[in-house]
Amino acid sequence: MSIIVTRTGGGPAALAASVLATPTSAGAELLVTLSADAAVTAEVLNIAGRTVRVIVVDRVMLPGTTTVAWNGRSQAGLAVPAGTYLVRITARDASGNAVTALQPLRVTR
């Protein structure tokens, strides 16, 4: 399941982003899909919305789908416990338009 968040207005260059989070034995694979060039920040949050790990910050990505890997570790480098997490992708285009996509992720150990 992916969630697509589209900014309305702003003419034909409006930015859309989606994320699909798939658990792996090492953590998760995130498939980030963009409709235009954007600087992307990817984070893993706990179910309360607190940041567990910032995976990438302002990484410029081209339109289309890009894979981003998360190794299942917290910002401190520790393996996160089993449970439900949220993956948040924020994409910002050159005009400053921003969209956010949020996807749940279940981690098992």
C-alpha atoms as a PDB file:
ATOM      1  CA  MET A   1       0.000   0.000   0.000  1.00  0.00           C
ATOM      2  CA  SER A   2       1.309   3.444  -0.795  1.00  0.00           C
ATOM      3  CA  ILE A   3      -0.011   6.832   0.136  1.00  0.00           C
ATOM      4  CA  ILE A   4       0.155   9.602  -2.413  1.00  0.00           C
ATOM      5  CA  VAL A   5      -0.047  13.176  -1.202  1.00  0.00           C
ATOM      6  CA  THR A   6      -0.491  15.769  -3.909  1.00  0.00           C
ATOM      7  CA  ARG A   7      -0.258  19.507  -3.418  1.00  0.00           C
ATOM      8  CA  THR A   8      -3.234  21.194  -5.014  1.00  0.00           C
ATOM      9  CA  GLY A   9      -2.864  24.462  -6.860  1.00  0.00           C
ATOM     10  CA  GLY A  10       0.444  25.862  -7.977  1.00  0.00           C
ATOM     11  CA  GLY A  11      -0.187  25.082 -11.643  1.00  0.00           C
ATOM     12  CA  PRO A  12       1.044  22.090 -13.635  1.00  0.00           C
ATOM     13  CA  ALA A  13       4.350  21.783 -11.761  1.00  0.00           C
ATOM     14  CA  ALA A  14       2.636  20.654  -8.541  1.00  0.00           C
ATOM     15  CA  LEU A  15       4.708  18.052  -6.698  1.00  0.00           C
ATOM     16  CA  ALA A  16       3.441  14.603  -5.732  1.00  0.00           C
ATOM     17  CA  ALA A  17       5.252  12.012  -3.625  1.00  0.00           C
ATOM     18  CA  SER A  18       4.536   8.494  -2.451  1.00  0.00           C
ATOM     19  CA  VAL A  19       6.353   5.929  -0.345  1.00  0.00           C
ATOM     20  CA  LEU A  20       6.064   2.163  -0.128  1.00  0.00           C
ATOM     21  CA  ALA A  21       7.814   0.641   2.902  1.00  0.00           C
ATOM     22  CA  THR A  22       8.656  -3.063   2.691  1.00  0.00           C
ATOM     23  CA  PRO A  23      10.229  -4.885   5.656  1.00  0.00           C
ATOM     24  CA  THR A  24      13.432  -6.808   4.975  1.00  0.00           C
ATOM     25  CA  SER A  25      15.549  -9.031   7.196  1.00  0.00           C
ATOM     26  CA  ALA A  26      17.922  -6.086   7.733  1.00  0.00           C
ATOM     27  CA  GLY A  27      15.325  -3.314   8.200  1.00  0.00           C
ATOM     28  CA  ALA A  28      13.246  -1.927   5.345  1.00  0.00           C
ATOM     29  CA  GLU A  29      13.330  -0.902   1.729  1.00  0.00           C
ATOM     30  CA  LEU A  30      11.591   2.365   0.922  1.00  0.00           C
ATOM     31  CA  LEU A  31      10.405   3.030  -2.611  1.00  0.00           C
ATOM     32  CA  VAL A  32      10.048   6.785  -3.009  1.00  0.00           C
ATOM     33  CA  THR A  33       8.166   7.977  -6.083  1.00  0.00           C
ATOM     34  CA  LEU A  34       8.236  11.631  -7.134  1.00  0.00           C
ATOM     35  CA  SER A  35       6.474  13.535  -9.900  1.00  0.00           C
ATOM     36  CA  ALA A  36       9.275  16.139 -10.183  1.00  0.00           C
ATOM     37  CA  ASP A  37      12.825  16.849  -8.973  1.00  0.00           C
ATOM     38  CA  ALA A  38      12.790  17.346  -5.205  1.00  0.00           C
ATOM     39  CA  ALA A  39      14.981  17.426  -2.111  1.00  0.00           C
ATOM     40  CA  VAL A  40      13.825  14.472  -0.015  1.00  0.00           C
ATOM     41  CA  THR A  41      14.058  13.835   3.709  1.00  0.00           C
ATOM     42  CA  ALA A  42      13.197  10.302   4.900  1.00  0.00           C
ATOM     43  CA  GLU A  43      12.554   9.520   8.569  1.00  0.00           C
ATOM     44  CA  VAL A  44      11.412   6.583  10.662  1.00  0.00           C
ATOM     45  CA  LEU A  45       9.096   7.526  13.530  1.00  0.00           C
ATOM     46  CA  ASN A  46       7.787   5.506  16.449  1.00  0.00           C
ATOM     47  CA  ILE A  47       4.037   5.101  16.752  1.00  0.00           C
ATOM     48  CA  ALA A  48       3.896   8.213  18.984  1.00  0.00           C
ATOM     49  CA  GLY A  49       5.435  10.268  16.163  1.00  0.00           C
ATOM     50  CA  ARG A  50       8.900  10.717  17.669  1.00  0.00           C
ATOM     51  CA  THR A  51      11.887  10.432  15.338  1.00  0.00           C
ATOM     52  CA  VAL A  52      13.704   7.100  15.640  1.00  0.00           C
ATOM     53  CA  ARG A  53      16.040   7.575  12.673  1.00  0.00           C
ATOM     54  CA  VAL A  54      16.648  10.144   9.989  1.00  0.00           C
ATOM     55  CA  ILE A  55      17.662   8.146   6.920  1.00  0.00           C
ATOM     56  CA  VAL A  56      18.348  10.931   4.415  1.00  0.00           C
ATOM     57  CA  VAL A  57      18.197  14.728   4.621  1.00  0.00           C
ATOM     58  CA  ASP A  58      17.535  16.909   1.578  1.00  0.00           C
ATOM     59  CA  ARG A  59      18.798  14.282  -0.878  1.00  0.00           C
ATOM     60  CA  VAL A  60      18.014  15.517  -4.377  1.00  0.00           C
ATOM     61  CA  MET A  61      16.004  12.893  -6.255  1.00  0.00           C
ATOM     62  CA  LEU A  62      14.758  12.870  -9.830  1.00  0.00           C
ATOM     63  CA  PRO A  63      11.193  12.133 -10.934  1.00  0.00           C
ATOM     64  CA  GLY A  64      10.329   8.456 -10.834  1.00  0.00           C
ATOM     65  CA  THR A  65      11.036   5.806  -8.220  1.00  0.00           C
ATOM     66  CA  THR A  66      14.164   5.654  -6.059  1.00  0.00           C
ATOM     67  CA  THR A  67      15.022   3.004  -3.465  1.00  0.00           C
ATOM     68  CA  VAL A  68      16.221   4.076  -0.028  1.00  0.00           C
ATOM     69  CA  ALA A  69      17.359   1.440   2.483  1.00  0.00           C
ATOM     70  CA  TRP A  70      16.963   1.573   6.263  1.00  0.00           C
ATOM     71  CA  ASN A  71      19.093  -0.845   8.279  1.00  0.00           C
ATOM     72  CA  GLY A  72      16.600  -1.209  11.145  1.00  0.00           C
ATOM     73  CA  ARG A  73      18.720   0.841  13.529  1.00  0.00           C
ATOM     74  CA  SER A  74      17.944   3.945  15.563  1.00  0.00           C
ATOM     75  CA  GLN A  75      19.807   7.241  15.339  1.00  0.00           C
ATOM     76  CA  ALA A  76      22.050   5.904  18.148  1.00  0.00           C
ATOM     77  CA  GLY A  77      22.941   2.831  16.061  1.00  0.00           C
ATOM     78  CA  LEU A  78      20.917   0.334  18.112  1.00  0.00           C
ATOM     79  CA  ALA A  79      18.585  -2.227  16.550  1.00  0.00           C
ATOM     80  CA  VAL A  80      15.003  -1.022  17.016  1.00  0.00           C
ATOM     81  CA  PRO A  81      12.616  -3.343  18.854  1.00  0.00           C
ATOM     82  CA  ALA A  82       9.872  -5.176  17.017  1.00  0.00           C
ATOM     83  CA  GLY A  83       6.752  -3.101  16.536  1.00  0.00           C
ATOM     84  CA  THR A  84       4.959  -0.690  14.269  1.00  0.00           C
ATOM     85  CA  TYR A  85       6.783   2.356  12.960  1.00  0.00           C
ATOM     86  CA  LEU A  86       5.919   5.134  10.537  1.00  0.00           C
ATOM     87  CA  VAL A  87       8.003   6.125   7.533  1.00  0.00           C
ATOM     88  CA  ARG A  88       7.692   9.799   6.646  1.00  0.00           C
ATOM     89  CA  ILE A  89       8.944  11.198   3.358  1.00  0.00           C
ATOM     90  CA  THR A  90       9.022  14.959   2.874  1.00  0.00           C
ATOM     91  CA  ALA A  91       9.781  16.247  -0.620  1.00  0.00           C
ATOM     92  CA  ARG A  92      10.452  19.904  -1.449  1.00  0.00           C
ATOM     93  CA  ASP A  93      10.780  21.218  -5.000  1.00  0.00           C
ATOM     94  CA  ALA A  94      12.910  24.179  -6.134  1.00  0.00           C
ATOM     95  CA  SER A  95       9.940  26.545  -5.715  1.00  0.00           C
ATOM     96  CA  GLY A  96       9.570  25.586  -2.054  1.00  0.00           C
ATOM     97  CA  ASN A  97       6.409  23.500  -2.538  1.00  0.00           C
ATOM     98  CA  ALA A  98       6.461  20.571  -0.140  1.00  0.00           C
ATOM     99  CA  VAL A  99       4.501  17.356   0.244  1.00  0.00           C
ATOM    100  CA  THR A 100       4.661  14.613   2.832  1.00  0.00           C
ATOM    101  CA  ALA A 101       3.858  10.921   2.504  1.00  0.00           C
ATOM    102  CA  LEU A 102       3.408   8.672   5.545  1.00  0.00           C
ATOM    103  CA  GLN A 103       3.437   4.862   5.528  1.00  0.00           C
ATOM    104  CA  PRO A 104       3.229   2.367   8.428  1.00  0.00           C
ATOM    105  CA  LEU A 105       5.960  -0.254   8.697  1.00  0.00           C
ATOM    106  CA  ARG A 106       5.900  -3.386  10.852  1.00  0.00           C
ATOM    107  CA  VAL A 107       9.317  -4.529  12.154  1.00  0.00           C
ATOM    108  CA  THR A 108       9.607  -8.115  13.364  1.00  0.00           C
ATOM    109  CA  ARG A 109      12.597  -9.687  15.077  1.00  0.00           C
END
